[in-house]
């Protein structure tokens, strides 16, 4: 049931779009899988054996991983796709 000028199923479409957006974001930041690299994929430094054993499939050294993690900015949990404010722009 839609209200106002929204078409039928608009709420379901918003929910599905929000879920698919979040899944796509999570797939970009998923944990490594497979065999660990012996050298960092970004800087070429050797990855310590203890790190390779602790995190199977690791591909980055600690410094490069720290830089990547600090660059990540989590999104807010608000669905702006269907809000009235987003329609005013």
Protein backbone atom coordinates (compact mmCIF):
# COMPACT_ATOMS: atom_id res chain seq x y z
CA UNK A 1 0.00 0.00 0.00
CA UNK A 2 1.44 3.32 -1.05
CA UNK A 3 0.40 6.70 0.21
CA UNK A 4 0.38 10.11 -1.41
CA UNK A 5 2.00 10.14 -4.80
CA UNK A 6 4.04 7.01 -4.30
CA UNK A 7 3.24 4.06 -6.50
CA UNK A 8 2.28 0.65 -5.14
CA UNK A 9 5.29 -1.29 -3.89
CA UNK A 10 7.43 1.82 -3.44
CA UNK A 11 8.31 0.94 0.14
CA UNK A 12 9.37 -2.57 -0.85
CA UNK A 13 11.51 -1.15 -3.64
CA UNK A 14 13.21 1.22 -1.19
CA UNK A 15 13.96 -1.62 1.21
CA UNK A 16 15.33 -3.85 -1.56
CA UNK A 17 17.47 -1.01 -2.92
CA UNK A 18 18.87 -0.27 0.55
CA UNK A 19 19.71 -3.94 1.09
CA UNK A 20 21.41 -4.31 -2.29
CA UNK A 21 23.43 -1.11 -1.72
CA UNK A 22 24.62 -2.37 1.66
CA UNK A 23 25.49 -5.82 0.28
CA UNK A 24 27.55 -4.23 -2.49
CA UNK A 25 29.38 -2.09 0.09
CA UNK A 26 30.07 -5.13 2.28
CA UNK A 27 31.41 -7.18 -0.65
CA UNK A 28 34.02 -4.48 -1.29
CA UNK A 29 35.32 -4.81 2.29
CA UNK A 30 35.01 -8.53 2.84
CA UNK A 31 37.69 -10.56 4.57
CA UNK A 32 40.47 -12.07 2.44
CA UNK A 33 40.12 -15.67 1.31
CA UNK A 34 42.67 -18.14 0.01
CA UNK A 35 46.40 -18.35 0.47
CA UNK A 36 48.23 -15.50 2.18
CA UNK A 37 50.76 -13.43 0.27
CA UNK A 38 54.36 -13.45 1.50
CA UNK A 39 54.79 -9.85 0.33
CA UNK A 40 52.36 -6.93 0.61
CA UNK A 41 50.28 -6.37 -2.52
CA UNK A 42 50.67 -2.58 -2.21
CA UNK A 43 54.15 -1.78 -0.92
CA UNK A 44 56.06 -5.06 -1.44
CA UNK A 45 57.20 -5.35 2.19
CA UNK A 46 57.40 -8.85 3.64
CA UNK A 47 54.31 -9.90 5.61
CA UNK A 48 55.38 -11.50 8.93
CA UNK A 49 54.63 -15.20 9.27
CA UNK A 50 52.65 -14.62 12.47
CA UNK A 51 50.27 -12.29 10.57
CA UNK A 52 49.87 -14.80 7.73
CA UNK A 53 48.96 -17.53 10.23
CA UNK A 54 46.62 -15.28 12.24
CA UNK A 55 44.70 -14.01 9.18
CA UNK A 56 44.44 -16.62 6.41
CA UNK A 57 44.41 -14.99 2.99
CA UNK A 58 46.02 -11.74 4.12
CA UNK A 59 47.35 -9.66 1.24
CA UNK A 60 48.49 -6.43 2.94
CA UNK A 61 51.12 -5.64 5.55
CA UNK A 62 50.04 -4.07 8.83
CA UNK A 63 50.88 -0.49 7.77
CA UNK A 64 49.01 -0.70 4.45
CA UNK A 65 46.02 -2.33 6.13
CA UNK A 66 46.00 0.40 8.80
CA UNK A 67 46.03 3.08 6.08
CA UNK A 68 43.18 1.39 4.25
CA UNK A 69 41.14 0.98 7.45
CA UNK A 70 41.60 4.63 8.44
CA UNK A 71 40.43 5.75 4.99
CA UNK A 72 37.17 3.79 5.41
CA UNK A 73 34.27 5.95 6.55
CA UNK A 74 31.16 4.08 7.68
CA UNK A 75 27.85 5.32 6.33
CA UNK A 76 24.97 6.45 8.46
CA UNK A 77 22.05 4.09 8.81
CA UNK A 78 19.51 6.52 7.35
CA UNK A 79 17.78 5.62 4.12
CA UNK A 80 17.98 8.89 2.20
CA UNK A 81 16.78 7.30 -1.02
CA UNK A 82 13.11 7.77 -0.24
CA UNK A 83 13.10 10.73 2.14
CA UNK A 84 11.36 13.96 1.26
CA UNK A 85 14.59 15.91 1.78
CA UNK A 86 16.35 13.93 -0.93
CA UNK A 87 13.54 14.74 -3.38
CA UNK A 88 13.96 18.49 -2.86
CA UNK A 89 17.46 18.57 -4.35
